[in-house]
Amino acid sequence: LDVSLTVADVRRSATWYHEVLGFT
């Protein structure tokens, strides 16, 4: 299952998922 999320700031969100949760 893949999820697509519309976000206010794509760079901020990508950084959050990477740094906070460990996504690559």
PDB file of all heavy atoms in Angstrom:
ATOM      1  N   LEU A   1       0.856  -1.172   0.000  1.00  0.00           N
ATOM      2  CA  LEU A   1       0.000   0.000   0.000  1.00  0.00           C
ATOM      3  C   LEU A   1       0.892   1.222   0.000  1.00  0.00           C
ATOM      4  O   LEU A   1       1.757   1.365   0.877  1.00  0.00           O
ATOM      5  CB  LEU A   1      -0.908   0.009   1.235  1.00  0.00           C
ATOM      6  CG  LEU A   1      -1.748   1.268   1.439  1.00  0.00           C
ATOM      7  CD1 LEU A   1      -2.804   1.383   0.339  1.00  0.00           C
ATOM      8  CD2 LEU A   1      -2.392   1.259   2.809  1.00  0.00           C
ATOM      9  N   ASP A   2       0.743   2.056  -0.988  1.00  0.00           N
ATOM     10  CA  ASP A   2       1.490   3.302  -1.065  1.00  0.00           C
ATOM     11  C   ASP A   2       0.531   4.443  -0.773  1.00  0.00           C
ATOM     12  O   ASP A   2      -0.641   4.388  -1.143  1.00  0.00           O
ATOM     13  CB  ASP A   2       2.100   3.490  -2.460  1.00  0.00           C
ATOM     14  CG  ASP A   2       3.071   2.373  -2.819  1.00  0.00           C
ATOM     15  OD1 ASP A   2       3.563   1.687  -1.918  1.00  0.00           O
ATOM     16  OD2 ASP A   2       3.342   2.201  -4.017  1.00  0.00           O
ATOM     17  N   VAL A   3       1.015   5.473  -0.109  1.00  0.00           N
ATOM     18  CA  VAL A   3       0.188   6.595   0.290  1.00  0.00           C
ATOM     19  C   VAL A   3       0.738   7.866  -0.343  1.00  0.00           C
ATOM     20  O   VAL A   3       1.950   8.082  -0.369  1.00  0.00           O
ATOM     21  CB  VAL A   3       0.184   6.729   1.832  1.00  0.00           C
ATOM     22  CG1 VAL A   3      -0.609   7.940   2.279  1.00  0.00           C
ATOM     23  CG2 VAL A   3      -0.338   5.476   2.477  1.00  0.00           C
ATOM     24  N   SER A   4      -0.165   8.705  -0.844  1.00  0.00           N
ATOM     25  CA  SER A   4       0.200  10.012  -1.374  1.00  0.00           C
ATOM     26  C   SER A   4      -0.441  11.075  -0.495  1.00  0.00           C
ATOM     27  O   SER A   4      -1.657  11.056  -0.284  1.00  0.00           O
ATOM     28  CB  SER A   4      -0.277  10.154  -2.819  1.00  0.00           C
ATOM     29  OG  SER A   4       0.030  11.432  -3.318  1.00  0.00           O
ATOM     30  N   LEU A   5       0.369  11.986   0.039  1.00  0.00           N
ATOM     31  CA  LEU A   5      -0.097  13.027   0.940  1.00  0.00           C
ATOM     32  C   LEU A   5       0.221  14.394   0.355  1.00  0.00           C
ATOM     33  O   LEU A   5       1.366  14.663  -0.002  1.00  0.00           O
ATOM     34  CB  LEU A   5       0.579  12.895   2.307  1.00  0.00           C
ATOM     35  CG  LEU A   5       0.481  11.526   2.998  1.00  0.00           C
ATOM     36  CD1 LEU A   5       1.336  11.518   4.247  1.00  0.00           C
ATOM     37  CD2 LEU A   5      -0.956  11.197   3.312  1.00  0.00           C
ATOM     38  N   THR A   6      -0.767  15.267   0.258  1.00  0.00           N
ATOM     39  CA  THR A   6      -0.554  16.637  -0.181  1.00  0.00           C
ATOM     40  C   THR A   6      -0.172  17.460   1.041  1.00  0.00           C
ATOM     41  O   THR A   6      -0.892  17.480   2.036  1.00  0.00           O
ATOM     42  CB  THR A   6      -1.824  17.206  -0.839  1.00  0.00           C
ATOM     43  OG1 THR A   6      -2.169  16.376  -1.950  1.00  0.00           O
ATOM     44  CG2 THR A   6      -1.611  18.615  -1.327  1.00  0.00           C
ATOM     45  N   VAL A   7       0.964  18.139   0.960  1.00  0.00           N
ATOM     46  CA  VAL A   7       1.526  18.825   2.127  1.00  0.00           C
ATOM     47  C   VAL A   7       1.788  20.299   1.825  1.00  0.00           C
ATOM     48  O   VAL A   7       1.913  20.705   0.671  1.00  0.00           O
ATOM     49  CB  VAL A   7       2.833  18.140   2.581  1.00  0.00           C
ATOM     50  CG1 VAL A   7       2.563  16.697   3.008  1.00  0.00           C
ATOM     51  CG2 VAL A   7       3.896  18.178   1.495  1.00  0.00           C
ATOM     52  N   ALA A   8       1.899  21.090   2.881  1.00  0.00           N
ATOM     53  CA  ALA A   8       2.114  22.534   2.739  1.00  0.00           C
ATOM     54  C   ALA A   8       3.524  22.862   2.259  1.00  0.00           C
ATOM     55  O   ALA A   8       3.724  23.818   1.513  1.00  0.00           O
ATOM     56  CB  ALA A   8       1.828  23.242   4.061  1.00  0.00           C
ATOM     57  N   ASP A   9       4.516  22.070   2.690  1.00  0.00           N
ATOM     58  CA  ASP A   9       5.910  22.330   2.336  1.00  0.00           C
ATOM     59  C   ASP A   9       6.589  20.981   2.101  1.00  0.00           C
ATOM     60  O   ASP A   9       6.954  20.285   3.045  1.00  0.00           O
ATOM     61  CB  ASP A   9       6.599  23.101   3.457  1.00  0.00           C
ATOM     62  CG  ASP A   9       8.045  23.462   3.170  1.00  0.00           C
ATOM     63  OD1 ASP A   9       8.723  22.738   2.400  1.00  0.00           O
ATOM     64  OD2 ASP A   9       8.509  24.464   3.728  1.00  0.00           O
ATOM     65  N   VAL A  10       6.747  20.620   0.829  1.00  0.00           N
ATOM     66  CA  VAL A  10       7.231  19.285   0.479  1.00  0.00           C
ATOM     67  C   VAL A  10       8.632  19.016   1.032  1.00  0.00           C
ATOM     68  O   VAL A  10       8.908  17.914   1.511  1.00  0.00           O
ATOM     69  CB  VAL A  10       7.150  19.046  -1.051  1.00  0.00           C
ATOM     70  CG1 VAL A  10       8.151  19.870  -1.816  1.00  0.00           C
ATOM     71  CG2 VAL A  10       7.291  17.575  -1.381  1.00  0.00           C
ATOM     72  N   ARG A  11       9.511  20.002   1.021  1.00  0.00           N
ATOM     73  CA  ARG A  11      10.876  19.804   1.545  1.00  0.00           C
ATOM     74  C   ARG A  11      10.827  19.566   3.056  1.00  0.00           C
ATOM     75  O   ARG A  11      11.485  18.666   3.567  1.00  0.00           O
ATOM     76  CB  ARG A  11      11.748  21.012   1.218  1.00  0.00           C
ATOM     77  CG  ARG A  11      13.156  20.947   1.762  1.00  0.00           C
ATOM     78  CD  ARG A  11      14.024  19.844   1.209  1.00  0.00           C
ATOM     79  NE  ARG A  11      14.236  19.998  -0.203  1.00  0.00           N
ATOM     80  CZ  ARG A  11      14.591  19.013  -1.011  1.00  0.00           C
ATOM     81  NH1 ARG A  11      14.766  17.792  -0.531  1.00  0.00           N
ATOM     82  NH2 ARG A  11      14.752  19.205  -2.294  1.00  0.00           N
ATOM     83  N   ARG A  12      10.035  20.369   3.771  1.00  0.00           N
ATOM     84  CA  ARG A  12       9.914  20.197   5.226  1.00  0.00           C
ATOM     85  C   ARG A  12       9.384  18.803   5.550  1.00  0.00           C
ATOM     86  O   ARG A  12       9.907  18.119   6.435  1.00  0.00           O
ATOM     87  CB  ARG A  12       8.989  21.264   5.801  1.00  0.00           C
ATOM     88  CG  ARG A  12       8.733  21.097   7.309  1.00  0.00           C
ATOM     89  CD  ARG A  12       7.664  22.026   7.819  1.00  0.00           C
ATOM     90  NE  ARG A  12       6.369  21.594   7.277  1.00  0.00           N
ATOM     91  CZ  ARG A  12       5.232  22.192   7.513  1.00  0.00           C
ATOM     92  NH1 ARG A  12       5.190  23.269   8.262  1.00  0.00           N
ATOM     93  NH2 ARG A  12       4.103  21.736   7.002  1.00  0.00           N
ATOM     94  N   SER A  13       8.354  18.359   4.836  1.00  0.00           N
ATOM     95  CA  SER A  13       7.773  17.047   5.105  1.00  0.00           C
ATOM     96  C   SER A  13       8.744  15.926   4.795  1.00  0.00           C
ATOM     97  O   SER A  13       8.878  14.978   5.572  1.00  0.00           O
ATOM     98  CB  SER A  13       6.478  16.868   4.308  1.00  0.00           C
ATOM     99  OG  SER A  13       5.480  17.724   4.814  1.00  0.00           O
ATOM    100  N   ALA A  14       9.431  16.007   3.662  1.00  0.00           N
ATOM    101  CA  ALA A  14      10.404  14.964   3.298  1.00  0.00           C
ATOM    102  C   ALA A  14      11.507  14.879   4.349  1.00  0.00           C
ATOM    103  O   ALA A  14      11.897  13.776   4.764  1.00  0.00           O
ATOM    104  CB  ALA A  14      10.980  15.238   1.919  1.00  0.00           C
ATOM    105  N   THR A  15      11.976  16.019   4.795  1.00  0.00           N
ATOM    106  CA  THR A  15      13.014  16.051   5.829  1.00  0.00           C
ATOM    107  C   THR A  15      12.494  15.442   7.123  1.00  0.00           C
ATOM    108  O   THR A  15      13.189  14.667   7.780  1.00  0.00           O
ATOM    109  CB  THR A  15      13.494  17.495   6.052  1.00  0.00           C
ATOM    110  OG1 THR A  15      14.050  17.986   4.821  1.00  0.00           O
ATOM    111  CG2 THR A  15      14.531  17.578   7.151  1.00  0.00           C
ATOM    112  N   TRP A  16      11.252  15.757   7.497  1.00  0.00           N
ATOM    113  CA  TRP A  16      10.659  15.223   8.726  1.00  0.00           C
ATOM    114  C   TRP A  16      10.567  13.704   8.647  1.00  0.00           C
ATOM    115  O   TRP A  16      10.988  13.007   9.583  1.00  0.00           O
ATOM    116  CB  TRP A  16       9.278  15.838   8.949  1.00  0.00           C
ATOM    117  CG  TRP A  16       8.674  15.490  10.272  1.00  0.00           C
ATOM    118  CD1 TRP A  16       8.839  16.145  11.455  1.00  0.00           C
ATOM    119  CD2 TRP A  16       7.800  14.378  10.552  1.00  0.00           C
ATOM    120  NE1 TRP A  16       8.123  15.522  12.449  1.00  0.00           N
ATOM    121  CE2 TRP A  16       7.473  14.437  11.929  1.00  0.00           C
ATOM    122  CE3 TRP A  16       7.268  13.360   9.778  1.00  0.00           C
ATOM    123  CZ2 TRP A  16       6.645  13.507  12.540  1.00  0.00           C
ATOM    124  CZ3 TRP A  16       6.435  12.428  10.382  1.00  0.00           C
ATOM    125  CH2 TRP A  16       6.128  12.505  11.744  1.00  0.00           C
ATOM    126  N   TYR A  17      10.024  13.158   7.567  1.00  0.00           N
ATOM    127  CA  TYR A  17       9.896  11.700   7.438  1.00  0.00           C
ATOM    128  C   TYR A  17      11.267  11.023   7.451  1.00  0.00           C
ATOM    129  O   TYR A  17      11.428   9.932   7.986  1.00  0.00           O
ATOM    130  CB  TYR A  17       9.109  11.325   6.185  1.00  0.00           C
ATOM    131  CG  TYR A  17       7.618  11.406   6.382  1.00  0.00           C
ATOM    132  CD1 TYR A  17       6.925  12.587   6.129  1.00  0.00           C
ATOM    133  CD2 TYR A  17       6.891  10.314   6.849  1.00  0.00           C
ATOM    134  CE1 TYR A  17       5.553  12.677   6.337  1.00  0.00           C
ATOM    135  CE2 TYR A  17       5.525  10.388   7.056  1.00  0.00           C
ATOM    136  CZ  TYR A  17       4.860  11.571   6.798  1.00  0.00           C
ATOM    137  OH  TYR A  17       3.511  11.652   7.016  1.00  0.00           O
ATOM    138  N   HIS A  18      12.252  11.677   6.870  1.00  0.00           N
ATOM    139  CA  HIS A  18      13.607  11.123   6.830  1.00  0.00           C
ATOM    140  C   HIS A  18      14.278  11.191   8.206  1.00  0.00           C
ATOM    141  O   HIS A  18      14.746  10.181   8.726  1.00  0.00           O
ATOM    142  CB  HIS A  18      14.433  11.865   5.784  1.00  0.00           C
ATOM    143  CG  HIS A  18      15.854  11.446   5.725  1.00  0.00           C
ATOM    144  ND1 HIS A  18      16.247  10.192   5.308  1.00  0.00           N
ATOM    145  CD2 HIS A  18      16.993  12.108   6.045  1.00  0.00           C
ATOM    146  CE1 HIS A  18      17.561  10.099   5.363  1.00  0.00           C
ATOM    147  NE2 HIS A  18      18.032  11.256   5.827  1.00  0.00           N
ATOM    148  N   GLU A  19      14.302  12.379   8.803  1.00  0.00           N
ATOM    149  CA  GLU A  19      15.049  12.567  10.045  1.00  0.00           C
ATOM    150  C   GLU A  19      14.323  12.060  11.283  1.00  0.00           C
ATOM    151  O   GLU A  19      14.942  11.517  12.189  1.00  0.00           O
ATOM    152  CB  GLU A  19      15.414  14.043  10.215  1.00  0.00           C
ATOM    153  CG  GLU A  19      16.422  14.497   9.182  1.00  0.00           C
ATOM    154  CD  GLU A  19      16.809  15.957   9.333  1.00  0.00           C
ATOM    155  OE1 GLU A  19      16.309  16.635  10.259  1.00  0.00           O
ATOM    156  OE2 GLU A  19      17.612  16.423   8.499  1.00  0.00           O
ATOM    157  N   VAL A  20      13.012  12.225  11.336  1.00  0.00           N
ATOM    158  CA  VAL A  20      12.257  11.844  12.529  1.00  0.00           C
ATOM    159  C   VAL A  20      11.921  10.362  12.530  1.00  0.00           C
ATOM    160  O   VAL A  20      12.027   9.689  13.561  1.00  0.00           O
ATOM    161  CB  VAL A  20      10.968  12.699  12.656  1.00  0.00           C
ATOM    162  CG1 VAL A  20      10.089  12.204  13.783  1.00  0.00           C
ATOM    163  CG2 VAL A  20      11.331  14.172  12.863  1.00  0.00           C
ATOM    164  N   LEU A  21      11.529   9.817  11.377  1.00  0.00           N
ATOM    165  CA  LEU A  21      11.065   8.434  11.331  1.00  0.00           C
ATOM    166  C   LEU A  21      12.044   7.467  10.681  1.00  0.00           C
ATOM    167  O   LEU A  21      11.889   6.259  10.807  1.00  0.00           O
ATOM    168  CB  LEU A  21       9.712   8.361  10.600  1.00  0.00           C
ATOM    169  CG  LEU A  21       8.590   9.168  11.247  1.00  0.00           C
ATOM    170  CD1 LEU A  21       7.322   9.053  10.417  1.00  0.00           C
ATOM    171  CD2 LEU A  21       8.351   8.734  12.681  1.00  0.00           C
ATOM    172  N   GLY A  22      13.019   7.973   9.936  1.00  0.00           N
ATOM    173  CA  GLY A  22      14.014   7.084   9.342  1.00  0.00           C
ATOM    174  C   GLY A  22      13.707   6.598   7.941  1.00  0.00           C
ATOM    175  O   GLY A  22      14.351   5.673   7.444  1.00  0.00           O
ATOM    176  N   PHE A  23      12.713   7.197   7.270  1.00  0.00           N
ATOM    177  CA  PHE A  23      12.464   6.857   5.866  1.00  0.00           C
ATOM    178  C   PHE A  23      13.662   7.289   5.029  1.00  0.00           C
ATOM    179  O   PHE A  23      14.347   8.257   5.362  1.00  0.00           O
ATOM    180  CB  PHE A  23      11.222   7.589   5.343  1.00  0.00           C
ATOM    181  CG  PHE A  23       9.922   6.937   5.693  1.00  0.00           C
ATOM    182  CD1 PHE A  23       9.389   7.046   6.966  1.00  0.00           C
ATOM    183  CD2 PHE A  23       9.216   6.212   4.738  1.00  0.00           C
ATOM    184  CE1 PHE A  23       8.188   6.449   7.290  1.00  0.00           C
ATOM    185  CE2 PHE A  23       8.005   5.619   5.050  1.00  0.00           C
ATOM    186  CZ  PHE A  23       7.489   5.739   6.330  1.00  0.00           C
ATOM    187  N   THR A  24      13.917   6.579   3.944  1.00  0.00           N
ATOM    188  CA  THR A  24      14.932   7.023   2.997  1.00  0.00           C
ATOM    189  C   THR A  24      14.253   7.815   1.885  1.00  0.00           C
ATOM    190  O   THR A  24      13.097   7.561   1.544  1.00  0.00           O
ATOM    191  CB  THR A  24      15.707   5.838   2.380  1.00  0.00           C
ATOM    192  OG1 THR A  24      14.788   4.985   1.695  1.00  0.00           O
ATOM    193  CG2 THR A  24      16.453   5.053   3.436  1.00  0.00           C
TER     194      THR A  24
END
